[in-house]
C-alpha atoms as a PDB file:
ATOM      1  CA  MET A   1       7.925  50.889 -67.330  1.00  0.00           C
ATOM      2  CA  ARG A   2      11.067  51.225 -65.215  1.00  0.00           C
ATOM      3  CA  PHE A   3      11.761  48.710 -62.463  1.00  0.00           C
ATOM      4  CA  PRO A   4      14.027  49.477 -59.496  1.00  0.00           C
ATOM      5  CA  GLU A   5      17.296  47.635 -59.063  1.00  0.00           C
ATOM      6  CA  ARG A   6      18.085  45.555 -56.008  1.00  0.00           C
ATOM      7  CA  ILE A   7      21.630  45.909 -54.659  1.00  0.00           C
ATOM      8  CA  LEU A   8      23.526  43.302 -52.515  1.00  0.00           C
ATOM      9  CA  CYS A   9      27.250  43.711 -52.084  1.00  0.00           C
ATOM     10  CA  SER A  10      29.366  42.774 -49.051  1.00  0.00           C
ATOM     11  CA  LYS A  11      28.343  44.526 -45.823  1.00  0.00           C
ATOM     12  CA  VAL A  12      26.574  47.511 -47.247  1.00  0.00           C
ATOM     13  CA  ALA A  13      25.508  47.711 -50.875  1.00  0.00           C
ATOM     14  CA  VAL A  14      23.569  45.755 -53.485  1.00  0.00           C
ATOM     15  CA  VAL A  15      24.229  46.415 -57.175  1.00  0.00           C
ATOM     16  CA  PRO A  16      22.990  44.557 -60.244  1.00  0.00           C
ATOM     17  CA  SER A  17      26.399  43.570 -61.595  1.00  0.00           C
ATOM     18  CA  ARG A  18      29.966  42.829 -60.491  1.00  0.00           C
ATOM     19  CA  TRP A  19      31.349  45.882 -62.336  1.00  0.00           C
ATOM     20  CA  ALA A  20      28.692  48.187 -60.925  1.00  0.00           C
ATOM     21  CA  CYS A  21      29.558  46.936 -57.444  1.00  0.00           C
ATOM     22  CA  ILE A  22      33.263  47.663 -57.961  1.00  0.00           C
ATOM     23  CA  TRP A  23      32.428  51.161 -59.283  1.00  0.00           C
ATOM     24  CA  PHE A  24      30.124  51.886 -56.332  1.00  0.00           C
ATOM     25  CA  LEU A  25      32.673  50.755 -53.757  1.00  0.00           C
ATOM     26  CA  MET A  26      35.386  52.877 -55.393  1.00  0.00           C
ATOM     27  CA  ILE A  27      33.204  55.958 -54.916  1.00  0.00           C
ATOM     28  CA  ALA A  28      32.526  55.035 -51.288  1.00  0.00           C
ATOM     29  CA  LEU A  29      36.235  54.417 -50.669  1.00  0.00           C
ATOM     30  CA  ALA A  30      37.098  57.788 -52.181  1.00  0.00           C
ATOM     31  CA  LEU A  31      34.687  59.473 -49.781  1.00  0.00           C
ATOM     32  CA  HIS A  32      36.279  57.647 -46.842  1.00  0.00           C
ATOM     33  CA  CYS A  33      39.787  58.639 -47.893  1.00  0.00           C
ATOM     34  CA  HIS A  34      39.054  62.252 -48.800  1.00  0.00           C
ATOM     35  CA  PRO A  35      36.671  63.777 -46.256  1.00  0.00           C
ATOM     36  CA  ALA A  36      35.818  67.446 -46.438  1.00  0.00           C
ATOM     37  CA  HIS A  37      38.646  69.495 -44.863  1.00  0.00           C
ATOM     38  CA  GLY A  38      36.590  72.011 -42.983  1.00  0.00           C
ATOM     39  CA  GLN A  39      33.021  72.938 -42.277  1.00  0.00           C
ATOM     40  CA  SER A  40      30.963  75.860 -41.134  1.00  0.00           C
ATOM     41  CA  LEU A  41      30.047  76.314 -37.507  1.00  0.00           C
ATOM     42  CA  PRO A  42      26.603  74.855 -36.788  1.00  0.00           C
ATOM     43  CA  LYS A  43      23.962  77.526 -37.337  1.00  0.00           C
ATOM     44  CA  VAL A  44      20.341  77.563 -36.211  1.00  0.00           C
ATOM     45  CA  VAL A  45      18.082  78.799 -39.005  1.00  0.00           C
ATOM     46  CA  ASP A  46      14.408  79.838 -38.740  1.00  0.00           C
ATOM     47  CA  VAL A  47      12.700  80.030 -42.129  1.00  0.00           C
ATOM     48  CA  PRO A  48       9.226  81.594 -42.479  1.00  0.00           C
ATOM     49  CA  THR A  49       6.761  79.095 -43.906  1.00  0.00           C
ATOM     50  CA  ARG A  50       3.023  79.424 -43.331  1.00  0.00           C
ATOM     51  CA  PRO A  51       1.447  82.614 -41.896  1.00  0.00           C
ATOM     52  CA  GLY A  52       2.843  83.094 -38.394  1.00  0.00           C
ATOM     53  CA  VAL A  53       4.882  79.869 -38.572  1.00  0.00           C
ATOM     54  CA  THR A  54       8.631  79.276 -38.880  1.00  0.00           C
ATOM     55  CA  GLN A  55      10.594  76.120 -39.589  1.00  0.00           C
ATOM     56  CA  ARG A  56      13.764  75.662 -37.519  1.00  0.00           C
ATOM     57  CA  PHE A  57      16.752  73.510 -38.437  1.00  0.00           C
ATOM     58  CA  LEU A  58      20.412  73.087 -37.537  1.00  0.00           C
ATOM     59  CA  PHE A  59      22.506  73.917 -40.601  1.00  0.00           C
ATOM     60  CA  ILE A  60      26.075  72.685 -41.156  1.00  0.00           C
ATOM     61  CA  THR A  61      27.930  72.771 -44.461  1.00  0.00           C
ATOM     62  CA  PRO A  62      31.355  71.708 -45.698  1.00  0.00           C
ATOM     63  CA  GLU A  63      33.491  74.371 -47.352  1.00  0.00           C
ATOM     64  CA  VAL A  64      32.446  73.211 -50.829  1.00  0.00           C
ATOM     65  CA  PRO A  65      29.177  71.263 -50.605  1.00  0.00           C
ATOM     66  CA  LYS A  66      28.276  68.885 -53.420  1.00  0.00           C
ATOM     67  CA  ALA A  67      24.676  68.431 -52.270  1.00  0.00           C
ATOM     68  CA  ALA A  68      22.437  69.216 -49.324  1.00  0.00           C
ATOM     69  CA  ALA A  69      20.305  66.878 -47.234  1.00  0.00           C
ATOM     70  CA  ILE A  70      17.385  67.736 -44.975  1.00  0.00           C
ATOM     71  CA  LEU A  71      17.416  65.099 -42.225  1.00  0.00           C
ATOM     72  CA  TYR A  72      14.103  63.946 -40.725  1.00  0.00           C
ATOM     73  CA  ALA A  73      14.359  62.053 -37.441  1.00  0.00           C
ATOM     74  CA  GLY A  74      11.959  59.328 -36.397  1.00  0.00           C
ATOM     75  CA  GLY A  75       9.734  59.079 -33.359  1.00  0.00           C
ATOM     76  CA  HIS A  76       7.592  62.139 -32.725  1.00  0.00           C
ATOM     77  CA  GLY A  77      10.173  64.296 -34.543  1.00  0.00           C
ATOM     78  CA  GLY A  78      10.141  67.134 -32.009  1.00  0.00           C
ATOM     79  CA  LEU A  79      13.860  67.789 -31.571  1.00  0.00           C
ATOM     80  CA  GLN A  80      13.188  70.883 -29.427  1.00  0.00           C
ATOM     81  CA  LEU A  81      16.203  72.620 -30.943  1.00  0.00           C
ATOM     82  CA  ASP A  82      17.103  75.800 -29.071  1.00  0.00           C
ATOM     83  CA  ARG A  83      18.730  78.906 -30.546  1.00  0.00           C
ATOM     84  CA  TYR A  84      22.164  77.680 -29.466  1.00  0.00           C
ATOM     85  CA  GLY A  85      21.860  74.415 -31.419  1.00  0.00           C
ATOM     86  CA  THR A  86      21.158  72.148 -28.440  1.00  0.00           C
ATOM     87  CA  PHE A  87      18.692  69.297 -28.892  1.00  0.00           C
ATOM     88  CA  GLY A  88      16.075  68.772 -26.212  1.00  0.00           C
ATOM     89  CA  TRP A  89      15.202  65.356 -27.644  1.00  0.00           C
ATOM     90  CA  GLY A  90      16.424  62.931 -30.289  1.00  0.00           C
ATOM     91  CA  GLU A  91      20.184  63.413 -30.258  1.00  0.00           C
ATOM     92  CA  ASP A  92      20.662  59.618 -30.355  1.00  0.00           C
ATOM     93  CA  ASN A  93      18.518  59.253 -33.486  1.00  0.00           C
ATOM     94  CA  PHE A  94      20.456  57.686 -36.369  1.00  0.00           C
ATOM     95  CA  LEU A  95      20.341  60.748 -38.636  1.00  0.00           C
ATOM     96  CA  VAL A  96      20.873  63.257 -35.828  1.00  0.00           C
ATOM     97  CA  ARG A  97      23.939  61.533 -34.412  1.00  0.00           C
ATOM     98  CA  THR A  98      25.492  60.988 -37.869  1.00  0.00           C
ATOM     99  CA  ARG A  99      24.981  64.525 -39.172  1.00  0.00           C
ATOM    100  CA  LEU A 100      28.709  65.307 -39.257  1.00  0.00           C
ATOM    101  CA  LEU A 101      29.421  62.115 -41.215  1.00  0.00           C
ATOM    102  CA  PHE A 102      27.309  63.518 -44.054  1.00  0.00           C
ATOM    103  CA  VAL A 103      29.190  66.824 -43.820  1.00  0.00           C
ATOM    104  CA  ASN A 104      32.542  65.008 -43.941  1.00  0.00           C
ATOM    105  CA  ASN A 105      31.342  63.374 -47.162  1.00  0.00           C
ATOM    106  CA  GLY A 106      30.707  66.748 -48.790  1.00  0.00           C
ATOM    107  CA  ILE A 107      26.977  67.031 -48.051  1.00  0.00           C
ATOM    108  CA  ALA A 108      25.514  70.033 -46.232  1.00  0.00           C
ATOM    109  CA  VAL A 109      22.855  69.092 -43.695  1.00  0.00           C
ATOM    110  CA  ALA A 110      19.747  70.700 -42.262  1.00  0.00           C
ATOM    111  CA  VAL A 111      18.658  68.709 -39.199  1.00  0.00           C
ATOM    112  CA  ILE A 112      15.018  69.662 -39.126  1.00  0.00           C
ATOM    113  CA  ASP A 113      12.825  70.177 -36.079  1.00  0.00           C
ATOM    114  CA  ALA A 114       9.046  70.329 -35.810  1.00  0.00           C
ATOM    115  CA  PRO A 115       7.729  73.739 -36.956  1.00  0.00           C
ATOM    116  CA  SER A 116       7.007  76.513 -34.484  1.00  0.00           C
ATOM    117  CA  ASP A 117       3.317  75.602 -34.199  1.00  0.00           C
ATOM    118  CA  ARG A 118       4.159  71.970 -33.338  1.00  0.00           C
ATOM    119  CA  GLN A 119       6.594  72.544 -30.465  1.00  0.00           C
ATOM    120  CA  SER A 120       4.661  70.513 -27.917  1.00  0.00           C
ATOM    121  CA  SER A 121       3.211  67.014 -27.815  1.00  0.00           C
ATOM    122  CA  PRO A 122       2.290  65.355 -30.154  1.00  0.00           C
ATOM    123  CA  TYR A 123       4.893  67.259 -32.261  1.00  0.00           C
ATOM    124  CA  LEU A 124       4.922  65.653 -35.734  1.00  0.00           C
ATOM    125  CA  ASN A 125       2.652  62.745 -34.830  1.00  0.00           C
ATOM    126  CA  GLY A 126      -0.476  63.128 -36.944  1.00  0.00           C
ATOM    127  CA  PHE A 127       1.178  65.904 -38.959  1.00  0.00           C
ATOM    128  CA  ARG A 128       3.710  64.157 -41.205  1.00  0.00           C
ATOM    129  CA  LEU A 129       1.263  63.534 -44.066  1.00  0.00           C
ATOM    130  CA  THR A 130      -0.325  66.987 -44.072  1.00  0.00           C
ATOM    131  CA  ARG A 131      -0.066  69.721 -46.688  1.00  0.00           C
ATOM    132  CA  GLU A 132       1.243  72.078 -44.004  1.00  0.00           C
ATOM    133  CA  HIS A 133       4.208  69.769 -43.376  1.00  0.00           C
ATOM    134  CA  ALA A 134       4.961  69.781 -47.113  1.00  0.00           C
ATOM    135  CA  ASP A 135       4.740  73.585 -47.209  1.00  0.00           C
ATOM    136  CA  ASP A 136       7.250  73.817 -44.350  1.00  0.00           C
ATOM    137  CA  ALA A 137       9.594  71.520 -46.266  1.00  0.00           C
ATOM    138  CA  ARG A 138       9.203  73.567 -49.445  1.00  0.00           C
ATOM    139  CA  ALA A 139      10.449  76.661 -47.572  1.00  0.00           C
ATOM    140  CA  ALA A 140      13.480  74.787 -46.192  1.00  0.00           C
ATOM    141  CA  ILE A 141      14.319  73.356 -49.627  1.00  0.00           C
ATOM    142  CA  ALA A 142      14.098  76.805 -51.214  1.00  0.00           C
ATOM    143  CA  TRP A 143      16.378  78.301 -48.542  1.00  0.00           C
ATOM    144  CA  LEU A 144      19.039  75.643 -49.090  1.00  0.00           C
ATOM    145  CA  ARG A 145      18.896  76.010 -52.876  1.00  0.00           C
ATOM    146  CA  ALA A 146      19.270  79.792 -52.614  1.00  0.00           C
ATOM    147  CA  GLN A 147      22.201  79.505 -50.208  1.00  0.00           C
ATOM    148  CA  LEU A 148      24.162  76.651 -51.783  1.00  0.00           C
ATOM    149  CA  HIS A 149      23.053  76.200 -55.423  1.00  0.00           C
ATOM    150  CA  VAL A 150      23.336  72.401 -55.158  1.00  0.00           C
ATOM    151  CA  PRO A 151      20.810  69.540 -55.351  1.00  0.00           C
ATOM    152  CA  VAL A 152      18.689  69.196 -52.221  1.00  0.00           C
ATOM    153  CA  TRP A 153      17.688  65.773 -50.920  1.00  0.00           C
ATOM    154  CA  LEU A 154      15.336  64.647 -48.172  1.00  0.00           C
ATOM    155  CA  VAL A 155      16.617  61.846 -45.934  1.00  0.00           C
ATOM    156  CA  GLY A 156      14.358  60.229 -43.352  1.00  0.00           C
ATOM    157  CA  THR A 157      14.686  57.429 -40.854  1.00  0.00           C
ATOM    158  CA  SER A 158      11.925  55.336 -39.292  1.00  0.00           C
ATOM    159  CA  ARG A 159       8.874  57.635 -38.918  1.00  0.00           C
ATOM    160  CA  GLY A 160      10.893  60.282 -40.713  1.00  0.00           C
ATOM    161  CA  THR A 161      10.391  58.195 -43.860  1.00  0.00           C
ATOM    162  CA  GLN A 162       6.678  58.985 -43.654  1.00  0.00           C
ATOM    163  CA  SER A 163       7.540  62.687 -43.761  1.00  0.00           C
ATOM    164  CA  VAL A 164      10.002  62.324 -46.621  1.00  0.00           C
ATOM    165  CA  ALA A 165       7.783  60.192 -48.843  1.00  0.00           C
ATOM    166  CA  ALA A 166       4.665  62.290 -48.209  1.00  0.00           C
ATOM    167  CA  ILE A 167       6.513  65.576 -48.818  1.00  0.00           C
ATOM    168  CA  ALA A 168       8.104  64.343 -52.047  1.00  0.00           C
ATOM    169  CA  ILE A 169       4.704  63.220 -53.343  1.00  0.00           C
ATOM    170  CA  ALA A 170       2.977  66.455 -52.315  1.00  0.00           C
ATOM    171  CA  LEU A 171       5.680  68.613 -53.939  1.00  0.00           C
ATOM    172  CA  ALA A 172       6.051  66.551 -57.105  1.00  0.00           C
ATOM    173  CA  GLY A 173       4.543  69.414 -59.076  1.00  0.00           C
ATOM    174  CA  GLY A 174       7.273  71.880 -58.093  1.00  0.00           C
ATOM    175  CA  GLY A 175       9.461  73.016 -55.231  1.00  0.00           C
ATOM    176  CA  GLY A 176      10.244  69.488 -54.115  1.00  0.00           C
ATOM    177  CA  PRO A 177      13.542  67.682 -53.508  1.00  0.00           C
ATOM    178  CA  ASP A 178      15.967  66.426 -56.149  1.00  0.00           C
ATOM    179  CA  GLY A 179      15.838  62.960 -54.591  1.00  0.00           C
ATOM    180  CA  ILE A 180      14.979  61.109 -51.399  1.00  0.00           C
ATOM    181  CA  VAL A 181      16.556  58.495 -49.136  1.00  0.00           C
ATOM    182  CA  LEU A 182      14.397  56.266 -46.922  1.00  0.00           C
ATOM    183  CA  THR A 183      16.184  54.454 -44.079  1.00  0.00           C
ATOM    184  CA  SER A 184      14.459  51.909 -41.821  1.00  0.00           C
ATOM    185  CA  THR A 185      11.210  52.652 -43.641  1.00  0.00           C
ATOM    186  CA  ILE A 186       7.819  52.367 -41.929  1.00  0.00           C
ATOM    187  CA  LEU A 187       6.217  49.477 -43.832  1.00  0.00           C
ATOM    188  CA  ARG A 188       3.411  48.746 -41.376  1.00  0.00           C
ATOM    189  CA  ASP A 189       1.500  51.005 -39.010  1.00  0.00           C
ATOM    190  CA  ASP A 190      -1.099  50.373 -36.328  1.00  0.00           C
ATOM    191  CA  ARG A 191      -0.843  53.780 -34.665  1.00  0.00           C
ATOM    192  CA  GLY A 192      -3.130  55.823 -36.893  1.00  0.00           C
ATOM    193  CA  GLY A 193      -0.586  56.758 -39.568  1.00  0.00           C
ATOM    194  CA  ASP A 194      -0.018  55.518 -43.087  1.00  0.00           C
ATOM    195  CA  PRO A 195       2.870  53.175 -43.874  1.00  0.00           C
ATOM    196  CA  VAL A 196       5.017  54.396 -46.736  1.00  0.00           C
ATOM    197  CA  THR A 197       3.803  51.483 -48.859  1.00  0.00           C
ATOM    198  CA  SER A 198       0.254  52.903 -48.774  1.00  0.00           C
ATOM    199  CA  MET A 199       1.341  56.222 -50.333  1.00  0.00           C
ATOM    200  CA  HIS A 200       1.196  57.070 -54.039  1.00  0.00           C
ATOM    201  CA  LEU A 201       4.842  56.207 -54.700  1.00  0.00           C
ATOM    202  CA  ALA A 202       4.249  55.638 -58.413  1.00  0.00           C
ATOM    203  CA  THR A 203       3.989  59.410 -58.841  1.00  0.00           C
ATOM    204  CA  LEU A 204       7.653  59.888 -57.886  1.00  0.00           C
ATOM    205  CA  THR A 205      10.010  60.456 -60.819  1.00  0.00           C
ATOM    206  CA  ILE A 206      13.007  61.565 -58.716  1.00  0.00           C
ATOM    207  CA  PRO A 207      15.769  59.176 -57.521  1.00  0.00           C
ATOM    208  CA  VAL A 208      14.849  57.074 -54.481  1.00  0.00           C
ATOM    209  CA  LEU A 209      17.232  55.063 -52.300  1.00  0.00           C
ATOM    210  CA  VAL A 210      15.829  52.648 -49.707  1.00  0.00           C
ATOM    211  CA  VAL A 211      18.259  51.531 -46.977  1.00  0.00           C
ATOM    212  CA  HIS A 212      17.307  48.785 -44.550  1.00  0.00           C
ATOM    213  CA  HIS A 213      19.090  46.504 -42.084  1.00  0.00           C
ATOM    214  CA  ARG A 214      18.595  42.851 -42.884  1.00  0.00           C
ATOM    215  CA  GLU A 215      17.897  42.102 -39.202  1.00  0.00           C
ATOM    216  CA  ASP A 216      15.744  45.118 -38.348  1.00  0.00           C
ATOM    217  CA  GLY A 217      13.537  43.792 -35.550  1.00  0.00           C
ATOM    218  CA  CYS A 218      11.112  46.712 -35.364  1.00  0.00           C
ATOM    219  CA  ARG A 219       7.600  45.394 -35.962  1.00  0.00           C
ATOM    220  CA  TYR A 220       6.825  48.344 -38.227  1.00  0.00           C
ATOM    221  CA  CYS A 221       9.851  47.792 -40.458  1.00  0.00           C
ATOM    222  CA  PRO A 222      10.278  44.134 -41.514  1.00  0.00           C
ATOM    223  CA  ALA A 223      13.038  43.812 -44.107  1.00  0.00           C
ATOM    224  CA  SER A 224      11.003  41.088 -45.825  1.00  0.00           C
ATOM    225  CA  GLU A 225       8.506  43.737 -46.982  1.00  0.00           C
ATOM    226  CA  THR A 226      10.973  46.105 -48.653  1.00  0.00           C
ATOM    227  CA  ASP A 227      10.389  44.433 -52.024  1.00  0.00           C
ATOM    228  CA  SER A 228       6.735  45.524 -51.945  1.00  0.00           C
ATOM    229  CA  LEU A 229       7.957  49.086 -51.475  1.00  0.00           C
ATOM    230  CA  MET A 230      10.403  48.890 -54.363  1.00  0.00           C
ATOM    231  CA  LYS A 231       7.792  47.481 -56.739  1.00  0.00           C
ATOM    232  CA  GLN A 232       5.832  50.722 -56.428  1.00  0.00           C
ATOM    233  CA  LEU A 233       8.712  52.957 -57.553  1.00  0.00           C
ATOM    234  CA  THR A 234       8.052  52.303 -61.225  1.00  0.00           C
ATOM    235  CA  GLN A 235       8.477  55.908 -62.396  1.00  0.00           C
ATOM    236  CA  SER A 236      11.573  56.806 -60.384  1.00  0.00           C
ATOM    237  CA  SER A 237      14.547  57.782 -62.556  1.00  0.00           C
ATOM    238  CA  ARG A 238      16.825  55.742 -60.272  1.00  0.00           C
ATOM    239  CA  ALA A 239      15.553  53.457 -57.521  1.00  0.00           C
ATOM    240  CA  ASN A 240      17.740  51.155 -55.447  1.00  0.00           C
ATOM    241  CA  LEU A 241      17.317  48.975 -52.387  1.00  0.00           C
ATOM    242  CA  MET A 242      20.409  48.806 -50.174  1.00  0.00           C
ATOM    243  CA  ILE A 243      20.289  45.967 -47.640  1.00  0.00           C
ATOM    244  CA  VAL A 244      22.943  46.156 -44.914  1.00  0.00           C
ATOM    245  CA  SER A 245      24.133  43.797 -42.209  1.00  0.00           C
ATOM    246  CA  GLY A 246      26.480  43.877 -39.251  1.00  0.00           C
ATOM    247  CA  GLY A 247      26.695  46.051 -36.182  1.00  0.00           C
ATOM    248  CA  THR A 248      25.064  45.334 -32.841  1.00  0.00           C
ATOM    249  CA  SER A 249      21.548  45.593 -31.452  1.00  0.00           C
ATOM    250  CA  GLN A 250      20.802  46.974 -27.995  1.00  0.00           C
ATOM    251  CA  GLY A 251      17.502  47.583 -26.266  1.00  0.00           C
ATOM    252  CA  ASP A 252      14.111  48.093 -27.899  1.00  0.00           C
ATOM    253  CA  PRO A 253      14.274  46.856 -31.532  1.00  0.00           C
ATOM    254  CA  CYS A 254      12.560  50.091 -32.707  1.00  0.00           C
ATOM    255  CA  GLU A 255      15.049  52.399 -30.969  1.00  0.00           C
ATOM    256  CA  PRO A 256      18.255  54.087 -32.261  1.00  0.00           C
ATOM    257  CA  PHE A 257      20.814  51.631 -30.856  1.00  0.00           C
ATOM    258  CA  ALA A 258      19.171  48.546 -32.293  1.00  0.00           C
ATOM    259  CA  TYR A 259      19.764  47.276 -35.846  1.00  0.00           C
ATOM    260  CA  HIS A 260      16.922  49.661 -36.694  1.00  0.00           C
ATOM    261  CA  GLY A 261      19.353  52.553 -36.091  1.00  0.00           C
ATOM    262  CA  PHE A 262      22.345  50.907 -37.830  1.00  0.00           C
ATOM    263  CA  ASN A 263      24.198  50.746 -34.533  1.00  0.00           C
ATOM    264  CA  GLY A 264      27.915  50.069 -35.013  1.00  0.00           C
ATOM    265  CA  ILE A 265      27.909  50.517 -38.805  1.00  0.00           C
ATOM    266  CA  GLU A 266      26.874  54.169 -38.976  1.00  0.00           C
ATOM    267  CA  SER A 267      29.960  55.341 -40.861  1.00  0.00           C
ATOM    268  CA  ASP A 268      29.685  52.611 -43.506  1.00  0.00           C
ATOM    269  CA  VAL A 269      25.993  53.269 -44.033  1.00  0.00           C
ATOM    270  CA  VAL A 270      26.324  57.060 -44.290  1.00  0.00           C
ATOM    271  CA  THR A 271      29.296  56.736 -46.655  1.00  0.00           C
ATOM    272  CA  ALA A 272      27.308  54.380 -48.904  1.00  0.00           C
ATOM    273  CA  ILE A 273      24.286  56.718 -48.863  1.00  0.00           C
ATOM    274  CA  SER A 274      26.509  59.707 -49.655  1.00  0.00           C
ATOM    275  CA  ALA A 275      28.192  57.871 -52.531  1.00  0.00           C
ATOM    276  CA  TRP A 276      24.801  56.957 -54.010  1.00  0.00           C
ATOM    277  CA  MET A 277      23.502  60.516 -53.717  1.00  0.00           C
ATOM    278  CA  LEU A 278      26.579  62.029 -55.343  1.00  0.00           C
ATOM    279  CA  ALA A 279      26.742  59.476 -58.145  1.00  0.00           C
ATOM    280  CA  ARG A 280      23.769  60.876 -60.039  1.00  0.00           C
END
């Protein structure tokens, strides 16, 4: 049985040994010092998924991508992305506002909206754990693989972690991601959904990174319960918990500019996530 490693190292990372920590930080430093020198213009893509349904996302890639990441925002997840690439909602979300940081680190991004049949309230609420949501993700993953020929990851934040975990489990038999990243994971839920800890995480064999702020004040995401999440990742080929600190917290503790959204340390967090993804 494989047990996940817990990583604690300065402001951002936690690794099991001094030498591993030095190695990890060297990779992160290299990404900071050598960002991608050029990127494509943002492009709105509509991929056919289920009968009569399309999945829209904003696609941006560096000149030579090393990996691709489909970014799932939190909240209701309905970004209301128009054909010009303008967001009607959610532009302040941690993953939406840091999309170009991933690109600068050599990772192509697909900032994903709700599908065409979920373009009004409640958007992704009540939909994130469905088979239809997984089928939409499968189509987006396949498109990225065909275009870029690189590993494709799913990265979610807050309620986006429910999407990412549920999709990875549903697609474990084929067509799923090469790995997942869960940031500010939903560990409790009293709004009719399932916390990530209630999902069948032991079926995941792909790499899993969990990133959490030590002082996350959102009642659905207590940092003290991340260990219970990690204990379920027994079959993952590489599972790490990255606890971060620093930054500032403003407003509602469950909103993007609180610790929950890594406010003030976005660049450090995205660089550490990128380094971990590319180190496989």
